[in-house]
Amino acid sequence: MSPKRAMFKKTKIILVSVLGSLTAILLIVDGYSIWRY
């Protein structure tokens, strides 16, 4: 595997984890706002 491909794979993993944590944060905030009402 070329270094460029490995780099791309790493970037993809980082992107997925960032998106995952963002989704989790949004869900938590959403849950809090629903519970407040």
Protein backbone atom coordinates (compact mmCIF):
# COMPACT_ATOMS: atom_id res chain seq x y z
CA MET A 1 0.00 0.00 0.00
CA SER A 2 1.39 3.40 -0.97
CA PRO A 3 1.88 6.08 1.72
CA LYS A 4 -0.74 8.27 0.05
CA ARG A 5 -3.38 5.56 0.39
CA ALA A 6 -2.46 4.94 4.02
CA MET A 7 -2.77 8.67 4.66
CA PHE A 8 -6.20 8.71 3.00
CA LYS A 9 -7.32 5.79 5.14
CA LYS A 10 -6.15 7.56 8.30
CA THR A 11 -7.95 10.76 7.26
CA LYS A 12 -11.12 8.76 6.62
CA ILE A 13 -10.94 7.19 10.09
CA ILE A 14 -10.45 10.63 11.67
CA LEU A 15 -13.38 12.06 9.70
CA VAL A 16 -15.63 9.18 10.74
CA SER A 17 -14.74 9.57 14.42
CA VAL A 18 -15.25 13.35 14.28
CA LEU A 19 -18.63 12.89 12.60
CA GLY A 20 -19.54 10.24 15.16
CA SER A 21 -18.72 12.46 18.12
CA LEU A 22 -20.55 15.40 16.54
CA THR A 23 -23.64 13.23 16.07
CA ALA A 24 -23.39 12.03 19.68
CA ILE A 25 -23.12 15.62 20.96
CA LEU A 26 -26.09 16.69 18.84
CA LEU A 27 -28.14 13.75 20.13
CA ILE A 28 -27.26 14.55 23.75
CA VAL A 29 -28.10 18.26 23.32
CA ASP A 30 -31.32 17.29 21.53
CA GLY A 31 -32.24 14.93 24.35
CA TYR A 32 -31.63 17.62 26.96
CA SER A 33 -33.80 20.17 25.14
CA ILE A 34 -36.59 17.59 24.79
CA TRP A 35 -36.39 16.67 28.49
CA ARG A 36 -36.50 20.31 29.52
CA TYR A 37 -39.91 20.90 27.96
